[in-house]
C-alpha atoms as a PDB file:
ATOM      1  CA  MET A   1      -9.802  -2.996  10.556  1.00  0.00           C
ATOM      2  CA  SER A   2     -10.242  -5.560   7.775  1.00  0.00           C
ATOM      3  CA  ASP A   3      -7.411  -7.827   6.644  1.00  0.00           C
ATOM      4  CA  SER A   4      -7.948  -6.639   3.057  1.00  0.00           C
ATOM      5  CA  GLU A   5      -4.947  -4.758   1.662  1.00  0.00           C
ATOM      6  CA  VAL A   6      -7.299  -2.172   0.137  1.00  0.00           C
ATOM      7  CA  LEU A   7     -10.547  -1.091   1.779  1.00  0.00           C
ATOM      8  CA  THR A   8     -13.249   0.243  -0.551  1.00  0.00           C
ATOM      9  CA  ARG A   9     -16.691   1.543   0.384  1.00  0.00           C
ATOM     10  CA  VAL A  10     -19.101   4.426  -0.287  1.00  0.00           C
ATOM     11  CA  GLU A  11     -19.797   6.930   2.486  1.00  0.00           C
ATOM     12  CA  SER A  12     -22.057   9.967   2.100  1.00  0.00           C
ATOM     13  CA  GLY A  13     -21.586  10.143  -1.653  1.00  0.00           C
ATOM     14  CA  VAL A  14     -17.807   9.637  -1.501  1.00  0.00           C
ATOM     15  CA  GLY A  15     -16.149   6.528  -2.909  1.00  0.00           C
ATOM     16  CA  ARG A  16     -13.457   5.741  -0.355  1.00  0.00           C
ATOM     17  CA  ILE A  17     -10.235   3.855  -1.058  1.00  0.00           C
ATOM     18  CA  THR A  18      -7.986   3.196   1.936  1.00  0.00           C
ATOM     19  CA  LEU A  19      -4.598   1.516   1.478  1.00  0.00           C
ATOM     20  CA  ASN A  20      -4.308  -1.094   4.234  1.00  0.00           C
ATOM     21  CA  ARG A  21      -0.908  -2.760   4.065  1.00  0.00           C
ATOM     22  CA  PRO A  22       0.860  -0.811   6.829  1.00  0.00           C
ATOM     23  CA  LYS A  23       3.683  -3.272   7.547  1.00  0.00           C
ATOM     24  CA  ALA A  24       4.880  -2.756   3.952  1.00  0.00           C
ATOM     25  CA  LEU A  25       4.209   1.008   4.070  1.00  0.00           C
ATOM     26  CA  HIS A  26       1.233   0.261   1.793  1.00  0.00           C
ATOM     27  CA  ALA A  27       3.518  -0.754  -1.091  1.00  0.00           C
ATOM     28  CA  LEU A  28       1.340  -1.705  -4.050  1.00  0.00           C
ATOM     29  CA  ASN A  29       0.967  -5.204  -5.445  1.00  0.00           C
ATOM     30  CA  ARG A  30      -1.150  -6.392  -8.349  1.00  0.00           C
ATOM     31  CA  GLY A  31      -4.083  -7.396  -6.146  1.00  0.00           C
ATOM     32  CA  MET A  32      -4.234  -3.908  -4.611  1.00  0.00           C
ATOM     33  CA  CYS A  33      -4.182  -2.280  -8.049  1.00  0.00           C
ATOM     34  CA  GLU A  34      -6.961  -4.573  -9.243  1.00  0.00           C
ATOM     35  CA  ALA A  35      -9.089  -3.854  -6.158  1.00  0.00           C
ATOM     36  CA  MET A  36      -8.759  -0.091  -6.654  1.00  0.00           C
ATOM     37  CA  THR A  37      -9.523  -0.420 -10.358  1.00  0.00           C
ATOM     38  CA  ALA A  38     -12.644  -2.502  -9.707  1.00  0.00           C
ATOM     39  CA  ALA A  39     -13.967   0.074  -7.237  1.00  0.00           C
ATOM     40  CA  LEU A  40     -13.264   3.013  -9.545  1.00  0.00           C
ATOM     41  CA  LEU A  41     -14.968   1.282 -12.462  1.00  0.00           C
ATOM     42  CA  ALA A  42     -18.021   0.485 -10.311  1.00  0.00           C
ATOM     43  CA  TRP A  43     -18.288   4.106  -9.127  1.00  0.00           C
ATOM     44  CA  ARG A  44     -17.596   5.759 -12.481  1.00  0.00           C
ATOM     45  CA  GLY A  45     -21.198   5.516 -13.668  1.00  0.00           C
ATOM     46  CA  ASP A  46     -22.837   5.492 -10.223  1.00  0.00           C
ATOM     47  CA  ALA A  47     -24.735   8.764  -9.687  1.00  0.00           C
ATOM     48  CA  ALA A  48     -24.635   8.181  -5.927  1.00  0.00           C
ATOM     49  CA  VAL A  49     -20.831   8.593  -5.937  1.00  0.00           C
ATOM     50  CA  GLN A  50     -19.911  12.251  -6.385  1.00  0.00           C
ATOM     51  CA  SER A  51     -16.171  12.122  -5.675  1.00  0.00           C
ATOM     52  CA  VAL A  52     -13.406   9.727  -4.606  1.00  0.00           C
ATOM     53  CA  LEU A  53     -11.096   9.922  -1.579  1.00  0.00           C
ATOM     54  CA  ILE A  54      -7.824   7.955  -1.380  1.00  0.00           C
ATOM     55  CA  ASP A  55      -6.042   7.664   1.969  1.00  0.00           C
ATOM     56  CA  HIS A  56      -4.269   5.059   4.099  1.00  0.00           C
ATOM     57  CA  SER A  57      -4.653   3.290   7.426  1.00  0.00           C
ATOM     58  CA  GLY A  58      -2.213   3.854  10.290  1.00  0.00           C
ATOM     59  CA  GLU A  59       0.407   6.574  10.557  1.00  0.00           C
ATOM     60  CA  ARG A  60       3.443   5.100   8.818  1.00  0.00           C
ATOM     61  CA  GLY A  61       3.077   6.748   5.457  1.00  0.00           C
ATOM     62  CA  PHE A  62       0.814   6.925   2.417  1.00  0.00           C
ATOM     63  CA  CYS A  63       2.577   4.525   0.017  1.00  0.00           C
ATOM     64  CA  ALA A  64       6.283   3.718  -0.301  1.00  0.00           C
ATOM     65  CA  GLY A  65       6.016   2.462  -3.902  1.00  0.00           C
ATOM     66  CA  GLY A  66       5.491  -0.861  -5.607  1.00  0.00           C
ATOM     67  CA  ASP A  67       6.349  -4.365  -4.441  1.00  0.00           C
ATOM     68  CA  ILE A  68      10.001  -4.119  -5.495  1.00  0.00           C
ATOM     69  CA  ARG A  69      11.058  -7.559  -4.253  1.00  0.00           C
ATOM     70  CA  MET A  70       8.379  -9.252  -6.349  1.00  0.00           C
ATOM     71  CA  ILE A  71       9.309  -7.175  -9.387  1.00  0.00           C
ATOM     72  CA  ALA A  72      12.993  -8.046  -8.979  1.00  0.00           C
ATOM     73  CA  GLU A  73      12.318 -11.754  -8.527  1.00  0.00           C
ATOM     74  CA  SER A  74      10.169 -11.728 -11.657  1.00  0.00           C
ATOM     75  CA  GLY A  75      12.784  -9.723 -13.567  1.00  0.00           C
ATOM     76  CA  ALA A  76      15.384 -12.348 -12.686  1.00  0.00           C
ATOM     77  CA  GLY A  77      13.269 -14.748 -14.764  1.00  0.00           C
ATOM     78  CA  ASP A  78      11.079 -13.949 -17.748  1.00  0.00           C
ATOM     79  CA  ALA A  79       9.573 -10.823 -16.112  1.00  0.00           C
ATOM     80  CA  SER A  80       6.030 -12.044 -16.807  1.00  0.00           C
ATOM     81  CA  GLY A  81       4.889 -11.284 -13.255  1.00  0.00           C
ATOM     82  CA  ALA A  82       6.467  -7.818 -13.335  1.00  0.00           C
ATOM     83  CA  LYS A  83       4.851  -7.037 -16.680  1.00  0.00           C
ATOM     84  CA  ALA A  84       1.445  -8.192 -15.417  1.00  0.00           C
ATOM     85  CA  PHE A  85       1.870  -5.895 -12.416  1.00  0.00           C
ATOM     86  CA  PHE A  86       2.910  -2.951 -14.608  1.00  0.00           C
ATOM     87  CA  LEU A  87      -0.047  -3.558 -16.935  1.00  0.00           C
ATOM     88  CA  SER A  88      -2.469  -3.405 -14.005  1.00  0.00           C
ATOM     89  CA  GLU A  89      -0.727  -0.538 -12.193  1.00  0.00           C
ATOM     90  CA  TYR A  90      -0.385   1.659 -15.275  1.00  0.00           C
ATOM     91  CA  ARG A  91      -4.019   1.046 -16.231  1.00  0.00           C
ATOM     92  CA  LEU A  92      -4.971   2.208 -12.721  1.00  0.00           C
ATOM     93  CA  ASN A  93      -2.783   5.314 -13.119  1.00  0.00           C
ATOM     94  CA  HIS A  94      -4.475   6.090 -16.437  1.00  0.00           C
ATOM     95  CA  LEU A  95      -7.976   5.421 -15.050  1.00  0.00           C
ATOM     96  CA  LEU A  96      -7.322   7.940 -12.271  1.00  0.00           C
ATOM     97  CA  PHE A  97      -5.861  10.456 -14.730  1.00  0.00           C
ATOM     98  CA  GLU A  98      -8.973  10.285 -16.946  1.00  0.00           C
ATOM     99  CA  TYR A  99     -11.519   9.823 -14.128  1.00  0.00           C
ATOM    100  CA  PRO A 100     -14.711  11.849 -14.706  1.00  0.00           C
ATOM    101  CA  LYS A 101     -15.301  12.597 -11.010  1.00  0.00           C
ATOM    102  CA  PRO A 102     -13.053  14.604  -8.685  1.00  0.00           C
ATOM    103  CA  VAL A 103     -10.459  12.545  -6.834  1.00  0.00           C
ATOM    104  CA  THR A 104      -8.798  13.628  -3.575  1.00  0.00           C
ATOM    105  CA  ALA A 105      -5.590  11.987  -2.298  1.00  0.00           C
ATOM    106  CA  ILE A 106      -4.360  12.590   1.255  1.00  0.00           C
ATOM    107  CA  VAL A 107      -0.621  11.895   1.180  1.00  0.00           C
ATOM    108  CA  ASP A 108       0.165  11.949   4.878  1.00  0.00           C
ATOM    109  CA  GLY A 109       3.675  10.525   5.253  1.00  0.00           C
ATOM    110  CA  ILE A 110       5.983   8.831   2.766  1.00  0.00           C
ATOM    111  CA  VAL A 111       4.851   8.996  -0.864  1.00  0.00           C
ATOM    112  CA  MET A 112       7.235   7.471  -3.374  1.00  0.00           C
ATOM    113  CA  GLY A 113       7.073   5.595  -6.677  1.00  0.00           C
ATOM    114  CA  GLY A 114       3.763   3.784  -6.941  1.00  0.00           C
ATOM    115  CA  GLY A 115       2.299   6.071  -4.276  1.00  0.00           C
ATOM    116  CA  VAL A 116       3.031   9.031  -6.517  1.00  0.00           C
ATOM    117  CA  GLY A 117       1.342   7.158  -9.366  1.00  0.00           C
ATOM    118  CA  ILE A 118      -2.003   6.902  -7.557  1.00  0.00           C
ATOM    119  CA  SER A 119      -1.926  10.391  -5.985  1.00  0.00           C
ATOM    120  CA  GLU A 120      -0.494  12.638  -8.696  1.00  0.00           C
ATOM    121  CA  PRO A 121      -3.474  12.160 -11.077  1.00  0.00           C
ATOM    122  CA  ALA A 122      -5.869  13.317  -8.309  1.00  0.00           C
ATOM    123  CA  ASP A 123      -7.520  16.718  -8.623  1.00  0.00           C
ATOM    124  CA  VAL A 124      -6.875  17.524  -4.957  1.00  0.00           C
ATOM    125  CA  ARG A 125      -3.565  16.354  -3.444  1.00  0.00           C
ATOM    126  CA  VAL A 126      -3.207  17.106   0.258  1.00  0.00           C
ATOM    127  CA  ALA A 127       0.184  17.041   1.984  1.00  0.00           C
ATOM    128  CA  THR A 128       0.896  17.275   5.723  1.00  0.00           C
ATOM    129  CA  GLU A 129       3.954  18.054   7.835  1.00  0.00           C
ATOM    130  CA  ARG A 130       4.668  14.295   7.776  1.00  0.00           C
ATOM    131  CA  THR A 131       4.743  14.113   3.966  1.00  0.00           C
ATOM    132  CA  THR A 132       8.017  13.060   2.339  1.00  0.00           C
ATOM    133  CA  TYR A 133       7.892  12.911  -1.459  1.00  0.00           C
ATOM    134  CA  ALA A 134      10.533  11.309  -3.678  1.00  0.00           C
ATOM    135  CA  MET A 135      11.062   9.431  -6.912  1.00  0.00           C
ATOM    136  CA  PRO A 136      14.227   7.530  -5.883  1.00  0.00           C
ATOM    137  CA  GLU A 137      14.334   5.000  -8.745  1.00  0.00           C
ATOM    138  CA  THR A 138      17.766   5.895 -10.197  1.00  0.00           C
ATOM    139  CA  GLY A 139      19.248   4.613  -6.927  1.00  0.00           C
ATOM    140  CA  ILE A 140      17.959   1.082  -7.578  1.00  0.00           C
ATOM    141  CA  GLY A 141      18.583   0.897 -11.314  1.00  0.00           C
ATOM    142  CA  LEU A 142      14.991   1.696 -12.283  1.00  0.00           C
ATOM    143  CA  PHE A 143      13.357   4.890 -13.645  1.00  0.00           C
ATOM    144  CA  PRO A 144      10.512   7.117 -12.357  1.00  0.00           C
ATOM    145  CA  ASP A 145       7.562   5.267 -13.856  1.00  0.00           C
ATOM    146  CA  VAL A 146       3.814   5.400 -12.939  1.00  0.00           C
ATOM    147  CA  GLY A 147       3.497   8.561 -15.011  1.00  0.00           C
ATOM    148  CA  GLY A 148       6.774  10.214 -14.035  1.00  0.00           C
ATOM    149  CA  GLY A 149       7.539  10.798 -17.696  1.00  0.00           C
ATOM    150  CA  TRP A 150       4.400  12.933 -17.882  1.00  0.00           C
ATOM    151  CA  PHE A 151       4.268  14.713 -14.507  1.00  0.00           C
ATOM    152  CA  LEU A 152       7.940  15.449 -13.847  1.00  0.00           C
ATOM    153  CA  PRO A 153       8.785  17.404 -17.020  1.00  0.00           C
ATOM    154  CA  ARG A 154       5.633  19.484 -16.436  1.00  0.00           C
ATOM    155  CA  LEU A 155       6.858  20.752 -13.059  1.00  0.00           C
ATOM    156  CA  PRO A 156       8.328  24.290 -13.040  1.00  0.00           C
ATOM    157  CA  GLY A 157      11.589  24.729 -14.940  1.00  0.00           C
ATOM    158  CA  GLN A 158      13.936  21.763 -14.594  1.00  0.00           C
ATOM    159  CA  THR A 159      12.826  20.762 -11.106  1.00  0.00           C
ATOM    160  CA  GLY A 160      11.351  17.497 -12.401  1.00  0.00           C
ATOM    161  CA  VAL A 161      14.630  16.504 -14.042  1.00  0.00           C
ATOM    162  CA  TRP A 162      16.533  17.332 -10.834  1.00  0.00           C
ATOM    163  CA  LEU A 163      14.076  15.303  -8.723  1.00  0.00           C
ATOM    164  CA  ALA A 164      14.154  12.346 -11.117  1.00  0.00           C
ATOM    165  CA  LEU A 165      17.927  12.126 -11.472  1.00  0.00           C
ATOM    166  CA  THR A 166      18.912  12.791  -7.837  1.00  0.00           C
ATOM    167  CA  GLY A 167      15.960  11.154  -6.056  1.00  0.00           C
ATOM    168  CA  ALA A 168      15.791  14.240  -3.814  1.00  0.00           C
ATOM    169  CA  ARG A 169      13.319  14.043  -0.937  1.00  0.00           C
ATOM    170  CA  LEU A 170      10.948  16.956  -0.474  1.00  0.00           C
ATOM    171  CA  LYS A 171       8.724  18.031   2.395  1.00  0.00           C
ATOM    172  CA  ALA A 172       5.346  19.712   2.023  1.00  0.00           C
ATOM    173  CA  ALA A 173       6.557  23.312   1.701  1.00  0.00           C
ATOM    174  CA  ASP A 174       8.433  22.323  -1.462  1.00  0.00           C
ATOM    175  CA  THR A 175       5.821  19.958  -2.872  1.00  0.00           C
ATOM    176  CA  VAL A 176       3.089  22.588  -2.581  1.00  0.00           C
ATOM    177  CA  ALA A 177       5.338  25.335  -3.984  1.00  0.00           C
ATOM    178  CA  LEU A 178       6.130  23.157  -7.022  1.00  0.00           C
ATOM    179  CA  GLY A 179       2.524  22.071  -7.545  1.00  0.00           C
ATOM    180  CA  ILE A 180       3.205  18.401  -6.782  1.00  0.00           C
ATOM    181  CA  HIS A 181       0.587  18.728  -4.063  1.00  0.00           C
ATOM    182  CA  THR A 182      -2.240  21.251  -4.158  1.00  0.00           C
ATOM    183  CA  HIS A 183      -2.866  21.876  -0.444  1.00  0.00           C
ATOM    184  CA  PHE A 184      -1.176  21.660   2.952  1.00  0.00           C
ATOM    185  CA  VAL A 185      -3.301  20.563   5.929  1.00  0.00           C
ATOM    186  CA  PRO A 186      -1.687  19.744   9.317  1.00  0.00           C
ATOM    187  CA  SER A 187      -2.078  16.082  10.245  1.00  0.00           C
ATOM    188  CA  ASP A 188      -4.064  16.935  13.374  1.00  0.00           C
ATOM    189  CA  ARG A 189      -6.769  18.422  11.120  1.00  0.00           C
ATOM    190  CA  LEU A 190      -7.102  15.457   8.764  1.00  0.00           C
ATOM    191  CA  GLU A 191     -10.101  13.938  10.517  1.00  0.00           C
ATOM    192  CA  SER A 192     -11.876  17.293  10.263  1.00  0.00           C
ATOM    193  CA  LEU A 193     -10.892  17.477   6.602  1.00  0.00           C
ATOM    194  CA  LYS A 194     -12.290  14.007   5.896  1.00  0.00           C
ATOM    195  CA  ALA A 195     -15.516  14.845   7.709  1.00  0.00           C
ATOM    196  CA  ALA A 196     -15.877  18.006   5.623  1.00  0.00           C
ATOM    197  CA  LEU A 197     -15.193  16.079   2.414  1.00  0.00           C
ATOM    198  CA  LEU A 198     -17.980  13.652   3.325  1.00  0.00           C
ATOM    199  CA  ALA A 199     -20.309  16.547   4.134  1.00  0.00           C
ATOM    200  CA  HIS A 200     -19.629  18.220   0.773  1.00  0.00           C
ATOM    201  CA  ALA A 201     -19.019  15.232  -1.479  1.00  0.00           C
ATOM    202  CA  ALA A 202     -19.269  17.128  -4.754  1.00  0.00           C
ATOM    203  CA  GLU A 203     -16.880  19.948  -3.810  1.00  0.00           C
ATOM    204  CA  PRO A 204     -13.564  18.539  -2.545  1.00  0.00           C
ATOM    205  CA  ARG A 205     -11.477  21.444  -3.861  1.00  0.00           C
ATOM    206  CA  THR A 206     -13.672  24.013  -2.112  1.00  0.00           C
ATOM    207  CA  VAL A 207     -13.327  22.033   1.119  1.00  0.00           C
ATOM    208  CA  ALA A 208      -9.551  21.744   0.761  1.00  0.00           C
ATOM    209  CA  ASP A 209      -9.231  25.456  -0.072  1.00  0.00           C
ATOM    210  CA  ALA A 210     -11.115  26.323   3.120  1.00  0.00           C
ATOM    211  CA  MET A 211      -9.038  24.055   5.359  1.00  0.00           C
ATOM    212  CA  ALA A 212      -5.573  24.544   3.876  1.00  0.00           C
ATOM    213  CA  SER A 213      -2.754  26.230   5.767  1.00  0.00           C
ATOM    214  CA  ASP A 214       0.515  27.847   4.705  1.00  0.00           C
ATOM    215  CA  PRO A 215       3.249  25.145   4.781  1.00  0.00           C
ATOM    216  CA  GLY A 216       5.953  27.799   5.210  1.00  0.00           C
ATOM    217  CA  PRO A 217       8.907  28.781   3.000  1.00  0.00           C
ATOM    218  CA  ALA A 218      10.097  26.268   0.405  1.00  0.00           C
ATOM    219  CA  PRO A 219      13.796  25.368   0.811  1.00  0.00           C
ATOM    220  CA  THR A 220      14.267  24.597  -2.896  1.00  0.00           C
ATOM    221  CA  THR A 221      13.376  28.178  -3.861  1.00  0.00           C
ATOM    222  CA  ALA A 222      16.950  29.212  -3.079  1.00  0.00           C
ATOM    223  CA  HIS A 223      18.238  26.712  -5.682  1.00  0.00           C
ATOM    224  CA  ARG A 224      15.648  27.146  -8.422  1.00  0.00           C
ATOM    225  CA  GLU A 225      17.882  29.280 -10.633  1.00  0.00           C
ATOM    226  CA  ALA A 226      20.711  26.760 -10.347  1.00  0.00           C
ATOM    227  CA  ILE A 227      18.389  23.811 -11.007  1.00  0.00           C
ATOM    228  CA  ASP A 228      16.941  25.424 -14.122  1.00  0.00           C
ATOM    229  CA  ARG A 229      20.386  26.331 -15.435  1.00  0.00           C
ATOM    230  CA  LEU A 230      22.352  23.193 -14.577  1.00  0.00           C
ATOM    231  CA  PHE A 231      19.725  20.531 -15.381  1.00  0.00           C
ATOM    232  CA  ALA A 232      18.568  22.001 -18.713  1.00  0.00           C
ATOM    233  CA  PHE A 233      20.715  19.749 -20.908  1.00  0.00           C
ATOM    234  CA  ASP A 234      19.666  16.767 -22.996  1.00  0.00           C
ATOM    235  CA  THR A 235      22.557  14.497 -21.953  1.00  0.00           C
ATOM    236  CA  VAL A 236      23.587  13.425 -18.469  1.00  0.00           C
ATOM    237  CA  GLU A 237      27.219  14.090 -19.397  1.00  0.00           C
ATOM    238  CA  GLU A 238      26.408  17.769 -20.012  1.00  0.00           C
ATOM    239  CA  ILE A 239      24.609  17.992 -16.663  1.00  0.00           C
ATOM    240  CA  PHE A 240      27.638  16.470 -14.916  1.00  0.00           C
ATOM    241  CA  ALA A 241      29.942  18.973 -16.669  1.00  0.00           C
ATOM    242  CA  ALA A 242      27.712  21.929 -15.809  1.00  0.00           C
ATOM    243  CA  LEU A 243      27.599  20.971 -12.138  1.00  0.00           C
ATOM    244  CA  GLU A 244      31.367  20.550 -12.015  1.00  0.00           C
ATOM    245  CA  THR A 245      31.986  23.866 -13.782  1.00  0.00           C
ATOM    246  CA  ASP A 246      29.567  25.683 -11.469  1.00  0.00           C
ATOM    247  CA  GLY A 247      31.605  24.465  -8.516  1.00  0.00           C
ATOM    248  CA  SER A 248      29.300  25.756  -5.766  1.00  0.00           C
ATOM    249  CA  ASP A 249      28.803  23.613  -2.687  1.00  0.00           C
ATOM    250  CA  TRP A 250      25.241  22.883  -3.756  1.00  0.00           C
ATOM    251  CA  ALA A 251      26.222  21.912  -7.305  1.00  0.00           C
ATOM    252  CA  LEU A 252      29.044  19.661  -6.128  1.00  0.00           C
ATOM    253  CA  THR A 253      26.702  17.985  -3.643  1.00  0.00           C
ATOM    254  CA  GLN A 254      24.270  17.234  -6.475  1.00  0.00           C
ATOM    255  CA  LEU A 255      27.123  15.888  -8.592  1.00  0.00           C
ATOM    256  CA  ALA A 256      28.235  13.563  -5.797  1.00  0.00           C
ATOM    257  CA  ILE A 257      24.667  12.288  -5.434  1.00  0.00           C
ATOM    258  CA  LEU A 258      24.403  11.656  -9.184  1.00  0.00           C
ATOM    259  CA  LYS A 259      27.716   9.770  -9.222  1.00  0.00           C
ATOM    260  CA  SER A 260      26.180   7.236  -6.812  1.00  0.00           C
ATOM    261  CA  LYS A 261      23.243   6.493  -9.149  1.00  0.00           C
ATOM    262  CA  SER A 262      23.008   3.945 -11.957  1.00  0.00           C
ATOM    263  CA  PRO A 263      24.461   5.446 -15.168  1.00  0.00           C
ATOM    264  CA  GLN A 264      21.974   3.443 -17.218  1.00  0.00           C
ATOM    265  CA  SER A 265      19.052   4.612 -15.081  1.00  0.00           C
ATOM    266  CA  MET A 266      20.061   8.256 -15.321  1.00  0.00           C
ATOM    267  CA  LYS A 267      20.294   8.111 -19.106  1.00  0.00           C
ATOM    268  CA  VAL A 268      17.004   6.222 -19.399  1.00  0.00           C
ATOM    269  CA  THR A 269      15.343   8.728 -17.046  1.00  0.00           C
ATOM    270  CA  LEU A 270      16.556  11.842 -18.833  1.00  0.00           C
ATOM    271  CA  ARG A 271      15.408  10.496 -22.203  1.00  0.00           C
ATOM    272  CA  GLN A 272      12.090   9.405 -20.649  1.00  0.00           C
ATOM    273  CA  LEU A 273      11.418  12.928 -19.327  1.00  0.00           C
ATOM    274  CA  ARG A 274      12.505  14.730 -22.495  1.00  0.00           C
ATOM    275  CA  LEU A 275      10.296  12.403 -24.575  1.00  0.00           C
ATOM    276  CA  GLY A 276       7.444  12.593 -22.089  1.00  0.00           C
ATOM    277  CA  ALA A 277       7.419  16.387 -22.357  1.00  0.00           C
ATOM    278  CA  THR A 278       6.626  16.076 -26.079  1.00  0.00           C
ATOM    279  CA  LEU A 279       3.795  13.521 -25.843  1.00  0.00           C
ATOM    280  CA  ALA A 280       0.200  14.560 -26.465  1.00  0.00           C
ATOM    281  CA  THR A 281      -1.538  12.130 -24.108  1.00  0.00           C
ATOM    282  CA  PHE A 282      -0.956  10.431 -20.777  1.00  0.00           C
ATOM    283  CA  ALA A 283      -1.722   7.095 -22.456  1.00  0.00           C
ATOM    284  CA  GLU A 284       1.217   7.547 -24.853  1.00  0.00           C
ATOM    285  CA  ASN A 285       3.462   8.139 -21.853  1.00  0.00           C
ATOM    286  CA  MET A 286       2.241   5.001 -20.082  1.00  0.00           C
ATOM    287  CA  ALA A 287       2.869   2.941 -23.227  1.00  0.00           C
ATOM    288  CA  MET A 288       6.465   4.263 -23.294  1.00  0.00           C
ATOM    289  CA  GLU A 289       6.967   3.436 -19.612  1.00  0.00           C
ATOM    290  CA  TYR A 290       5.530  -0.060 -20.077  1.00  0.00           C
ATOM    291  CA  ARG A 291       8.083  -0.786 -22.817  1.00  0.00           C
ATOM    292  CA  LEU A 292      10.830   0.397 -20.492  1.00  0.00           C
ATOM    293  CA  GLY A 293       9.537  -1.395 -17.412  1.00  0.00           C
ATOM    294  CA  GLY A 294       9.477  -4.886 -18.840  1.00  0.00           C
ATOM    295  CA  ARG A 295      13.044  -4.491 -20.094  1.00  0.00           C
ATOM    296  CA  VAL A 296      14.723  -2.517 -17.318  1.00  0.00           C
ATOM    297  CA  VAL A 297      13.595  -4.953 -14.583  1.00  0.00           C
ATOM    298  CA  ARG A 298      15.601  -7.665 -16.353  1.00  0.00           C
ATOM    299  CA  SER A 299      18.739  -5.519 -16.498  1.00  0.00           C
ATOM    300  CA  HIS A 300      21.849  -5.995 -14.375  1.00  0.00           C
ATOM    301  CA  ASP A 301      21.484  -2.597 -12.731  1.00  0.00           C
ATOM    302  CA  PHE A 302      17.953  -3.152 -11.447  1.00  0.00           C
ATOM    303  CA  GLN A 303      18.809  -6.580 -10.070  1.00  0.00           C
ATOM    304  CA  GLU A 304      21.976  -5.185  -8.483  1.00  0.00           C
ATOM    305  CA  GLY A 305      20.247  -2.076  -7.158  1.00  0.00           C
ATOM    306  CA  VAL A 306      17.563  -4.092  -5.410  1.00  0.00           C
ATOM    307  CA  ARG A 307      20.213  -6.409  -3.982  1.00  0.00           C
ATOM    308  CA  ALA A 308      22.283  -3.514  -2.620  1.00  0.00           C
ATOM    309  CA  VAL A 309      19.523  -1.271  -1.312  1.00  0.00           C
ATOM    310  CA  ILE A 310      16.653  -3.598  -0.378  1.00  0.00           C
ATOM    311  CA  VAL A 311      17.948  -7.170   0.080  1.00  0.00           C
ATOM    312  CA  ASP A 312      21.513  -6.994   1.458  1.00  0.00           C
ATOM    313  CA  LYS A 313      21.248  -3.304   2.415  1.00  0.00           C
ATOM    314  CA  ASP A 314      24.986  -2.770   1.920  1.00  0.00           C
ATOM    315  CA  ASN A 315      24.240   0.266  -0.273  1.00  0.00           C
ATOM    316  CA  THR A 316      27.232  -0.455  -2.500  1.00  0.00           C
ATOM    317  CA  PRO A 317      25.760  -1.387  -5.891  1.00  0.00           C
ATOM    318  CA  ALA A 318      28.217  -2.352  -8.622  1.00  0.00           C
ATOM    319  CA  TRP A 319      26.674  -0.674 -11.653  1.00  0.00           C
ATOM    320  CA  SER A 320      27.347  -2.010 -15.142  1.00  0.00           C
ATOM    321  CA  PRO A 321      28.239  -0.097 -17.190  1.00  0.00           C
ATOM    322  CA  ALA A 322      29.988   1.700 -14.335  1.00  0.00           C
ATOM    323  CA  ALA A 323      30.413   4.971 -16.266  1.00  0.00           C
ATOM    324  CA  LEU A 324      28.081   7.106 -18.364  1.00  0.00           C
ATOM    325  CA  ALA A 325      30.209   6.561 -21.477  1.00  0.00           C
ATOM    326  CA  GLY A 326      29.419   2.855 -21.337  1.00  0.00           C
ATOM    327  CA  VAL A 327      25.672   3.460 -21.791  1.00  0.00           C
ATOM    328  CA  THR A 328      25.342   3.811 -25.550  1.00  0.00           C
ATOM    329  CA  ASP A 329      22.578   5.390 -27.579  1.00  0.00           C
ATOM    330  CA  ALA A 330      22.031   1.978 -29.178  1.00  0.00           C
ATOM    331  CA  ALA A 331      21.420   0.414 -25.762  1.00  0.00           C
ATOM    332  CA  LEU A 332      18.911   3.156 -24.948  1.00  0.00           C
ATOM    333  CA  ASP A 333      17.201   2.760 -28.325  1.00  0.00           C
ATOM    334  CA  ALA A 334      16.691  -0.942 -27.573  1.00  0.00           C
ATOM    335  CA  LEU A 335      15.088  -0.184 -24.189  1.00  0.00           C
ATOM    336  CA  PHE A 336      12.695   2.383 -25.709  1.00  0.00           C
ATOM    337  CA  ALA A 337      11.844   0.390 -28.857  1.00  0.00           C
ATOM    338  CA  PRO A 338       8.207  -0.505 -29.597  1.00  0.00           C
ATOM    339  CA  LEU A 339       7.002  -3.918 -28.437  1.00  0.00           C
ATOM    340  CA  PRO A 340       5.779  -6.609 -30.841  1.00  0.00           C
ATOM    341  CA  ALA A 341       2.204  -6.355 -32.072  1.00  0.00           C
ATOM    342  CA  GLY A 342      -0.227  -7.378 -29.366  1.00  0.00           C
ATOM    343  CA  GLU A 343       2.235  -6.763 -26.514  1.00  0.00           C
ATOM    344  CA  GLU A 344       1.987  -2.978 -26.199  1.00  0.00           C
ATOM    345  CA  TRP A 345       0.327  -1.386 -23.177  1.00  0.00           C
ATOM    346  CA  THR A 346      -3.226  -0.218 -23.681  1.00  0.00           C
ATOM    347  CA  PRO A 347      -5.662   1.566 -21.358  1.00  0.00           C
ATOM    348  CA  LEU A 348      -8.624  -0.256 -19.880  1.00  0.00           C
ATOM    349  CA  PRO A 349     -11.340  -0.840 -22.475  1.00  0.00           C
END
């Protein structure tokens, strides 16, 4: 296997992208995003490439997110490195979203954050019994970026809001039931699936339909009514109150989880999803997330969240403000405000 962190090649009419940074669970850095973008641009107008397949080397998971340590170190300064990464990553997300050829992503194992960003735009999204999906950003003072503002509010009911605020981890039965992933294929059939995709390069959905299995009952189905009722509000305070009033074991468990998250992140995230639901294009959503990203990474809560969860691993972040009431509408307005002329995010030319 090559030392390159992303392997790109064309096989039997399929443009293949393989994430190859297994020791970091294939966490994305700017170089990886640029390599994927270059390949996709080269294949876009190439008649010999009929579809694209994204997978990963090894067995430790598809992609655990972005290079959080680098982003935090940059955010501790002027955030120029973080913003350059976001510019490249979000352009890749948008390129995949608008790509004119079918894209298949095989998300075998952990798929979080940046991994969601490069798999969710795919036409065919294959989960396995090893898949664990989450957008856990509120636990490190961030927000569910890479298109979360677009995809999450378009999931059934309020499930996207619940996932974004709590960082809940889902297995394949739930991800397929919610439409996060389109197919379930057991991991021991993945090599057969890839061979079939190469044999029928122009028809990845037909191949996936033929090879898919039933992932079994979805555990979240039992809580869908409660999720849709209790997470339907436009303020985090109202969600907290609804969960407390409900008083069921499940609701109180969700409340306890939320109380461990960054108050700023939860308020940013809820506004992001409510705004994202109203936007007409994916590009508008990515521009909103780029404004947020460059500012939130410089905030106390992101720096503290990374320290507590990733660096020191004491899992006791001291959020500031420590309570929801301390996160004002004015503070949120400043985070969401347009950037100066010439600094806004734009798609690839």
